[in-house]
Amino acid sequence: MDFEVTKKVKDGSAYYLVRWSHLAICDKYRIINAVPAVAGLYELYYEDDHKALRLFYVAKAWYGGLRTSLREKTDPELEKNLEHKRILSDCKCYYRYVATGSHADMSDIIFFFAETYMPGQSKTHHSGRYEDIYVEEISADKIIDI
């Protein structure tokens, strides 16, 4: 299975299908060897005290690609956000990613996630190309955010 985004457009609406990679433990060597150096989206999770996975970061990787972005965002030595640094240092953390070469598509999907997680509070913007945006996720790990 390819970990990529596909899109269909109908009547001014975009329908995205996001095929996530498998969850993997945040480890710089694994990231360097397993993650492609292409543009895409990624999510970071941590395992809480009850062994439940908690999403704590969603982002797009453009310049430098997924490999570089994940490598930087999962290293507590490089992380500037104090809460993320604490999570990365104290918790078991995981990542997953999906590749897409379209910056506009990434913006639409991130906007959709942000509006789903925090309706009306998001500071992200969609591409402006579509009236409505819909996202469906496929995850081999059965983790669906929306």
N, C-alpha and C. Protein backbone atom coordinates (compact mmCIF):
# COMPACT_ATOMS: atom_id res chain seq x y z
N MET A 1 0.84 -1.18 0.00
CA MET A 1 0.00 0.00 0.00
C MET A 1 0.89 1.24 0.00
N ASP A 2 0.58 2.17 -0.85
CA ASP A 2 1.29 3.44 -0.87
C ASP A 2 0.67 4.37 0.17
N PHE A 3 1.53 5.08 0.87
CA PHE A 3 1.08 6.02 1.89
C PHE A 3 1.00 7.39 1.24
N GLU A 4 -0.17 7.65 0.63
CA GLU A 4 -0.31 8.88 -0.14
C GLU A 4 -1.73 9.40 -0.06
N VAL A 5 -1.89 10.61 -0.59
CA VAL A 5 -3.18 11.27 -0.64
C VAL A 5 -3.71 11.19 -2.06
N THR A 6 -4.98 10.84 -2.19
CA THR A 6 -5.65 10.92 -3.49
C THR A 6 -6.84 11.87 -3.32
N LYS A 7 -7.28 12.43 -4.44
CA LYS A 7 -8.35 13.42 -4.38
C LYS A 7 -9.28 13.26 -5.57
N LYS A 8 -10.55 13.48 -5.30
CA LYS A 8 -11.56 13.58 -6.35
C LYS A 8 -12.27 14.92 -6.16
N VAL A 9 -12.58 15.56 -7.26
CA VAL A 9 -13.29 16.83 -7.21
C VAL A 9 -14.63 16.66 -7.92
N LYS A 10 -15.69 17.09 -7.24
CA LYS A 10 -17.03 16.98 -7.83
C LYS A 10 -17.87 18.15 -7.36
N ASP A 11 -18.46 18.86 -8.30
CA ASP A 11 -19.37 19.96 -8.00
C ASP A 11 -18.77 20.98 -7.03
N GLY A 12 -17.51 21.32 -7.22
CA GLY A 12 -16.86 22.34 -6.39
C GLY A 12 -16.39 21.87 -5.03
N SER A 13 -16.51 20.58 -4.76
CA SER A 13 -16.06 20.01 -3.49
C SER A 13 -14.89 19.07 -3.72
N ALA A 14 -13.99 19.01 -2.75
CA ALA A 14 -12.84 18.11 -2.82
C ALA A 14 -13.05 16.97 -1.83
N TYR A 15 -12.77 15.77 -2.29
CA TYR A 15 -12.88 14.56 -1.48
C TYR A 15 -11.50 13.92 -1.42
N TYR A 16 -10.85 14.03 -0.27
CA TYR A 16 -9.49 13.50 -0.10
C TYR A 16 -9.54 12.14 0.58
N LEU A 17 -8.66 11.27 0.15
CA LEU A 17 -8.45 9.98 0.80
C LEU A 17 -7.01 9.96 1.28
N VAL A 18 -6.82 9.88 2.59
CA VAL A 18 -5.50 9.91 3.21
C VAL A 18 -5.16 8.49 3.66
N ARG A 19 -4.11 7.91 3.07
CA ARG A 19 -3.65 6.56 3.42
C ARG A 19 -2.39 6.69 4.28
N TRP A 20 -2.57 6.60 5.59
CA TRP A 20 -1.47 6.79 6.53
C TRP A 20 -0.49 5.61 6.53
N SER A 21 0.75 5.91 6.81
CA SER A 21 1.74 4.86 7.05
C SER A 21 1.40 4.17 8.38
N HIS A 22 2.08 3.07 8.65
CA HIS A 22 1.93 2.43 9.95
C HIS A 22 2.54 3.33 11.01
N LEU A 23 2.01 3.25 12.21
CA LEU A 23 2.63 3.96 13.33
C LEU A 23 4.02 3.36 13.57
N ALA A 24 4.96 4.22 13.91
CA ALA A 24 6.32 3.76 14.21
C ALA A 24 6.83 4.53 15.41
N ILE A 25 7.65 3.89 16.20
CA ILE A 25 8.25 4.54 17.37
C ILE A 25 9.20 5.63 16.90
N CYS A 26 9.13 6.77 17.56
CA CYS A 26 10.02 7.89 17.23
C CYS A 26 11.45 7.52 17.59
N ASP A 27 12.22 7.28 16.57
CA ASP A 27 13.62 6.93 16.72
C ASP A 27 14.37 7.51 15.54
N LYS A 28 15.39 8.33 15.80
CA LYS A 28 16.06 9.05 14.72
C LYS A 28 16.66 8.12 13.67
N TYR A 29 17.14 6.97 14.06
CA TYR A 29 17.74 6.06 13.09
C TYR A 29 16.68 5.41 12.21
N ARG A 30 15.56 5.06 12.81
CA ARG A 30 14.46 4.49 12.04
C ARG A 30 13.92 5.52 11.05
N ILE A 31 13.76 6.75 11.51
CA ILE A 31 13.25 7.82 10.65
C ILE A 31 14.20 8.02 9.46
N ILE A 32 15.47 8.09 9.73
CA ILE A 32 16.46 8.31 8.66
C ILE A 32 16.41 7.20 7.63
N ASN A 33 16.20 5.97 8.08
CA ASN A 33 16.21 4.82 7.17
C ASN A 33 14.87 4.47 6.55
N ALA A 34 13.76 4.89 7.17
CA ALA A 34 12.45 4.41 6.72
C ALA A 34 11.55 5.47 6.10
N VAL A 35 11.77 6.72 6.43
CA VAL A 35 10.85 7.77 5.98
C VAL A 35 11.38 8.41 4.70
N PRO A 36 10.54 8.56 3.70
CA PRO A 36 11.00 9.18 2.44
C PRO A 36 11.24 10.68 2.58
N ALA A 37 12.12 11.19 1.77
CA ALA A 37 12.43 12.62 1.76
C ALA A 37 11.56 13.32 0.72
N VAL A 38 10.24 13.25 0.93
CA VAL A 38 9.27 13.86 0.03
C VAL A 38 8.32 14.71 0.86
N ALA A 39 7.56 15.57 0.20
CA ALA A 39 6.59 16.41 0.89
C ALA A 39 5.42 15.57 1.39
N GLY A 40 4.79 16.03 2.47
CA GLY A 40 3.63 15.32 2.99
C GLY A 40 3.17 15.86 4.32
N LEU A 41 2.31 15.09 4.96
CA LEU A 41 1.77 15.41 6.27
C LEU A 41 2.23 14.36 7.27
N TYR A 42 2.32 14.77 8.54
CA TYR A 42 2.66 13.80 9.56
C TYR A 42 1.97 14.13 10.87
N GLU A 43 1.84 13.11 11.71
CA GLU A 43 1.24 13.25 13.02
C GLU A 43 2.17 12.61 14.05
N LEU A 44 2.16 13.21 15.25
CA LEU A 44 2.92 12.67 16.37
C LEU A 44 1.96 12.32 17.50
N TYR A 45 2.19 11.17 18.11
CA TYR A 45 1.38 10.67 19.21
C TYR A 45 2.28 10.32 20.38
N TYR A 46 1.72 10.37 21.59
CA TYR A 46 2.42 9.84 22.75
C TYR A 46 1.50 8.86 23.46
N GLU A 47 2.10 7.95 24.21
CA GLU A 47 1.35 6.96 24.98
C GLU A 47 1.16 7.51 26.38
N ASP A 48 -0.10 7.64 26.81
CA ASP A 48 -0.37 8.19 28.14
C ASP A 48 -0.23 7.09 29.21
N ASP A 49 -0.54 7.44 30.46
CA ASP A 49 -0.39 6.51 31.58
C ASP A 49 -1.29 5.29 31.48
N HIS A 50 -2.35 5.40 30.67
CA HIS A 50 -3.29 4.29 30.48
C HIS A 50 -3.03 3.52 29.19
N LYS A 51 -1.87 3.78 28.59
CA LYS A 51 -1.44 3.11 27.35
C LYS A 51 -2.29 3.51 26.14
N ALA A 52 -3.01 4.63 26.25
CA ALA A 52 -3.78 5.15 25.12
C ALA A 52 -2.91 6.12 24.34
N LEU A 53 -3.08 6.13 23.03
CA LEU A 53 -2.32 7.06 22.19
C LEU A 53 -3.04 8.40 22.13
N ARG A 54 -2.27 9.46 22.32
CA ARG A 54 -2.79 10.82 22.29
C ARG A 54 -2.07 11.62 21.22
N LEU A 55 -2.84 12.18 20.32
CA LEU A 55 -2.28 13.02 19.26
C LEU A 55 -1.79 14.32 19.89
N PHE A 56 -0.53 14.72 19.57
CA PHE A 56 -0.07 16.00 20.09
C PHE A 56 0.52 16.92 19.04
N TYR A 57 0.61 16.47 17.80
CA TYR A 57 1.14 17.37 16.78
C TYR A 57 0.75 16.87 15.39
N VAL A 58 0.31 17.79 14.54
CA VAL A 58 0.00 17.52 13.14
C VAL A 58 0.65 18.63 12.33
N ALA A 59 1.34 18.27 11.25
CA ALA A 59 2.01 19.32 10.46
C ALA A 59 2.22 18.86 9.03
N LYS A 60 2.53 19.85 8.19
CA LYS A 60 2.92 19.54 6.82
C LYS A 60 4.43 19.70 6.70
N ALA A 61 5.00 18.89 5.85
CA ALA A 61 6.44 18.94 5.58
C ALA A 61 6.60 19.30 4.11
N TRP A 62 7.19 20.41 3.85
CA TRP A 62 7.37 20.86 2.47
C TRP A 62 8.86 20.88 2.17
N TYR A 63 9.53 21.94 2.53
CA TYR A 63 10.98 22.02 2.30
C TYR A 63 11.68 21.04 3.23
N GLY A 64 12.56 20.24 2.70
CA GLY A 64 13.25 19.24 3.49
C GLY A 64 12.52 17.91 3.54
N GLY A 65 11.23 17.93 3.32
CA GLY A 65 10.46 16.70 3.24
C GLY A 65 10.15 16.08 4.60
N LEU A 66 9.47 14.95 4.54
CA LEU A 66 9.02 14.24 5.72
C LEU A 66 10.18 13.77 6.60
N ARG A 67 11.21 13.22 5.98
CA ARG A 67 12.33 12.69 6.75
C ARG A 67 12.96 13.76 7.64
N THR A 68 13.28 14.90 7.05
CA THR A 68 13.93 15.97 7.80
C THR A 68 13.00 16.55 8.86
N SER A 69 11.75 16.80 8.49
CA SER A 69 10.79 17.38 9.44
C SER A 69 10.54 16.46 10.62
N LEU A 70 10.33 15.18 10.35
CA LEU A 70 10.10 14.22 11.44
C LEU A 70 11.34 14.08 12.31
N ARG A 71 12.47 14.03 11.70
CA ARG A 71 13.73 13.91 12.46
C ARG A 71 13.88 15.08 13.43
N GLU A 72 13.58 16.28 12.96
CA GLU A 72 13.72 17.47 13.81
C GLU A 72 12.64 17.54 14.89
N LYS A 73 11.39 17.23 14.53
CA LYS A 73 10.27 17.37 15.47
C LYS A 73 10.22 16.26 16.51
N THR A 74 10.95 15.18 16.33
CA THR A 74 10.91 14.08 17.29
C THR A 74 12.16 14.01 18.17
N ASP A 75 13.05 14.97 18.02
CA ASP A 75 14.27 15.00 18.82
C ASP A 75 14.10 16.01 19.96
N PRO A 76 14.05 15.55 21.22
CA PRO A 76 13.86 16.49 22.32
C PRO A 76 14.98 17.53 22.42
N GLU A 77 16.16 17.21 21.93
CA GLU A 77 17.27 18.16 21.95
C GLU A 77 17.03 19.33 21.00
N LEU A 78 16.29 19.10 19.93
CA LEU A 78 16.04 20.14 18.93
C LEU A 78 14.71 20.86 19.11
N GLU A 79 13.80 20.24 19.84
CA GLU A 79 12.45 20.80 20.00
C GLU A 79 12.48 22.06 20.87
N LYS A 80 11.80 23.10 20.40
CA LYS A 80 11.75 24.38 21.12
C LYS A 80 10.51 24.51 22.01
N ASN A 81 9.41 23.87 21.63
CA ASN A 81 8.19 23.90 22.42
C ASN A 81 8.42 23.08 23.69
N LEU A 82 8.31 23.73 24.85
CA LEU A 82 8.64 23.07 26.12
C LEU A 82 7.73 21.88 26.42
N GLU A 83 6.44 22.00 26.12
CA GLU A 83 5.53 20.87 26.37
C GLU A 83 5.86 19.69 25.46
N HIS A 84 6.14 19.96 24.19
CA HIS A 84 6.52 18.88 23.26
C HIS A 84 7.85 18.26 23.69
N LYS A 85 8.78 19.07 24.13
CA LYS A 85 10.07 18.57 24.61
C LYS A 85 9.87 17.62 25.79
N ARG A 86 8.99 18.01 26.71
CA ARG A 86 8.70 17.14 27.86
C ARG A 86 8.09 15.83 27.41
N ILE A 87 7.12 15.90 26.51
CA ILE A 87 6.47 14.69 26.00
C ILE A 87 7.50 13.78 25.33
N LEU A 88 8.31 14.35 24.47
CA LEU A 88 9.31 13.55 23.75
C LEU A 88 10.32 12.91 24.70
N SER A 89 10.63 13.59 25.79
CA SER A 89 11.62 13.08 26.75
C SER A 89 11.02 12.05 27.70
N ASP A 90 9.76 12.24 28.09
CA ASP A 90 9.17 11.43 29.16
C ASP A 90 8.24 10.31 28.69
N CYS A 91 7.78 10.37 27.47
CA CYS A 91 6.76 9.42 27.01
C CYS A 91 7.26 8.60 25.81
N LYS A 92 6.62 7.47 25.61
CA LYS A 92 6.85 6.69 24.41
C LYS A 92 6.07 7.39 23.29
N CYS A 93 6.78 7.75 22.22
CA CYS A 93 6.15 8.54 21.15
C CYS A 93 6.18 7.80 19.82
N TYR A 94 5.20 8.10 18.99
CA TYR A 94 5.03 7.47 17.69
C TYR A 94 4.77 8.52 16.62
N TYR A 95 5.01 8.14 15.38
CA TYR A 95 4.69 9.01 14.25
C TYR A 95 4.04 8.19 13.15
N ARG A 96 3.37 8.91 12.27
CA ARG A 96 2.88 8.33 11.02
C ARG A 96 2.87 9.46 10.00
N TYR A 97 2.86 9.09 8.73
CA TYR A 97 2.96 10.11 7.68
C TYR A 97 2.18 9.68 6.44
N VAL A 98 1.98 10.65 5.57
CA VAL A 98 1.39 10.41 4.27
C VAL A 98 2.06 11.38 3.29
N ALA A 99 2.39 10.91 2.12
CA ALA A 99 3.06 11.74 1.12
C ALA A 99 2.06 12.43 0.21
N THR A 100 2.35 13.66 -0.14
CA THR A 100 1.61 14.38 -1.18
C THR A 100 2.48 15.51 -1.69
N GLY A 101 2.50 15.67 -2.99
CA GLY A 101 3.34 16.69 -3.60
C GLY A 101 2.64 18.02 -3.80
N SER A 102 1.42 18.16 -3.31
CA SER A 102 0.66 19.39 -3.51
C SER A 102 0.55 20.18 -2.21
N HIS A 103 1.16 21.35 -2.19
CA HIS A 103 1.09 22.21 -1.01
C HIS A 103 -0.36 22.64 -0.76
N ALA A 104 -1.10 22.92 -1.82
CA ALA A 104 -2.50 23.32 -1.68
C ALA A 104 -3.34 22.20 -1.08
N ASP A 105 -3.11 20.96 -1.50
CA ASP A 105 -3.84 19.82 -0.92
C ASP A 105 -3.50 19.66 0.56
N MET A 106 -2.22 19.82 0.91
CA MET A 106 -1.82 19.74 2.31
C MET A 106 -2.56 20.80 3.14
N SER A 107 -2.66 22.00 2.60
CA SER A 107 -3.35 23.09 3.31
C SER A 107 -4.82 22.74 3.52
N ASP A 108 -5.47 22.18 2.51
CA ASP A 108 -6.87 21.79 2.64
C ASP A 108 -7.05 20.72 3.72
N ILE A 109 -6.20 19.73 3.72
CA ILE A 109 -6.32 18.62 4.68
C ILE A 109 -6.03 19.10 6.10
N ILE A 110 -4.98 19.87 6.27
CA ILE A 110 -4.64 20.41 7.61
C ILE A 110 -5.79 21.30 8.11
N PHE A 111 -6.34 22.12 7.21
CA PHE A 111 -7.48 22.96 7.59
C PHE A 111 -8.65 22.09 8.05
N PHE A 112 -8.95 21.04 7.30
CA PHE A 112 -10.04 20.13 7.66
C PHE A 112 -9.80 19.53 9.04
N PHE A 113 -8.58 19.02 9.30
CA PHE A 113 -8.26 18.45 10.61
C PHE A 113 -8.40 19.50 11.71
N ALA A 114 -7.87 20.70 11.47
CA ALA A 114 -7.92 21.75 12.49
C ALA A 114 -9.37 22.12 12.81
N GLU A 115 -10.21 22.24 11.79
CA GLU A 115 -11.61 22.57 12.01
C GLU A 115 -12.36 21.43 12.68
N THR A 116 -11.90 20.21 12.46
CA THR A 116 -12.52 19.06 13.10
C THR A 116 -12.11 19.00 14.58
N TYR A 117 -10.82 19.22 14.87
CA TYR A 117 -10.32 19.16 16.25
C TYR A 117 -10.78 20.36 17.07
N MET A 118 -10.75 21.56 16.47
CA MET A 118 -11.05 22.80 17.19
C MET A 118 -11.91 23.71 16.31
N PRO A 119 -13.19 23.42 16.15
CA PRO A 119 -14.02 24.22 15.25
C PRO A 119 -13.99 25.72 15.56
N GLY A 120 -13.70 26.51 14.53
CA GLY A 120 -13.69 27.95 14.66
C GLY A 120 -12.48 28.55 15.34
N GLN A 121 -11.58 27.74 15.85
CA GLN A 121 -10.41 28.23 16.58
C GLN A 121 -9.12 28.14 15.79
N SER A 122 -9.17 27.53 14.65
CA SER A 122 -7.97 27.28 13.86
C SER A 122 -7.41 28.56 13.25
N LYS A 123 -6.11 28.62 13.17
CA LYS A 123 -5.44 29.73 12.50
C LYS A 123 -4.92 29.31 11.12
N THR A 124 -5.25 28.10 10.71
CA THR A 124 -4.83 27.62 9.40
C THR A 124 -5.86 28.01 8.36
N HIS A 125 -5.43 28.01 7.12
CA HIS A 125 -6.30 28.40 6.01
C HIS A 125 -6.29 27.32 4.94
N HIS A 126 -7.42 27.11 4.30
CA HIS A 126 -7.49 26.17 3.18
C HIS A 126 -7.00 26.89 1.92
N SER A 127 -6.91 26.17 0.85
CA SER A 127 -6.36 26.71 -0.40
C SER A 127 -7.30 27.69 -1.09
N GLY A 128 -8.59 27.64 -0.75
CA GLY A 128 -9.56 28.52 -1.39
C GLY A 128 -10.08 28.01 -2.72
N ARG A 129 -9.69 26.80 -3.10
CA ARG A 129 -10.08 26.25 -4.40
C ARG A 129 -11.45 25.59 -4.39
N TYR A 130 -11.92 25.16 -3.20
CA TYR A 130 -13.14 24.35 -3.14
C TYR A 130 -14.13 24.94 -2.16
N GLU A 131 -15.42 24.72 -2.46
CA GLU A 131 -16.48 25.15 -1.57
C GLU A 131 -16.48 24.34 -0.29
N ASP A 132 -16.36 23.03 -0.43
CA ASP A 132 -16.36 22.12 0.71
C ASP A 132 -15.19 21.16 0.59
N ILE A 133 -14.66 20.74 1.74
CA ILE A 133 -13.55 19.81 1.81
C ILE A 133 -13.97 18.64 2.68
N TYR A 134 -13.75 17.43 2.17
CA TYR A 134 -14.05 16.21 2.90
C TYR A 134 -12.80 15.35 2.93
N VAL A 135 -12.57 14.70 4.07
CA VAL A 135 -11.39 13.84 4.22
C VAL A 135 -11.82 12.51 4.79
N GLU A 136 -11.32 11.46 4.17
CA GLU A 136 -11.49 10.10 4.70
C GLU A 136 -10.09 9.56 4.95
N GLU A 137 -9.92 8.87 6.07
CA GLU A 137 -8.61 8.33 6.42
C GLU A 137 -8.63 6.81 6.36
N ILE A 138 -7.52 6.24 5.91
CA ILE A 138 -7.30 4.81 5.96
C ILE A 138 -6.04 4.58 6.78
N SER A 139 -6.16 3.76 7.82
CA SER A 139 -5.04 3.50 8.71
C SER A 139 -4.98 2.01 9.01
N ALA A 140 -3.86 1.41 8.67
CA ALA A 140 -3.68 -0.02 8.96
C ALA A 140 -3.69 -0.28 10.47
N ASP A 141 -3.35 0.76 11.23
CA ASP A 141 -3.32 0.64 12.70
C ASP A 141 -4.67 0.94 13.34
N LYS A 142 -5.66 1.23 12.52
CA LYS A 142 -7.03 1.50 12.99
C LYS A 142 -7.09 2.78 13.83
N ILE A 143 -6.23 3.73 13.54
CA ILE A 143 -6.27 5.03 14.20
C ILE A 143 -6.82 6.03 13.20
N ILE A 144 -8.02 6.48 13.46
CA ILE A 144 -8.68 7.44 12.60
C ILE A 144 -8.97 8.66 13.47
N ASP A 145 -8.47 9.81 13.05
CA ASP A 145 -8.60 11.02 13.85
C ASP A 145 -9.95 11.70 13.70
N ILE A 146 -10.62 11.49 12.59
CA ILE A 146 -11.85 12.23 12.34
C ILE A 146 -13.05 11.32 12.35
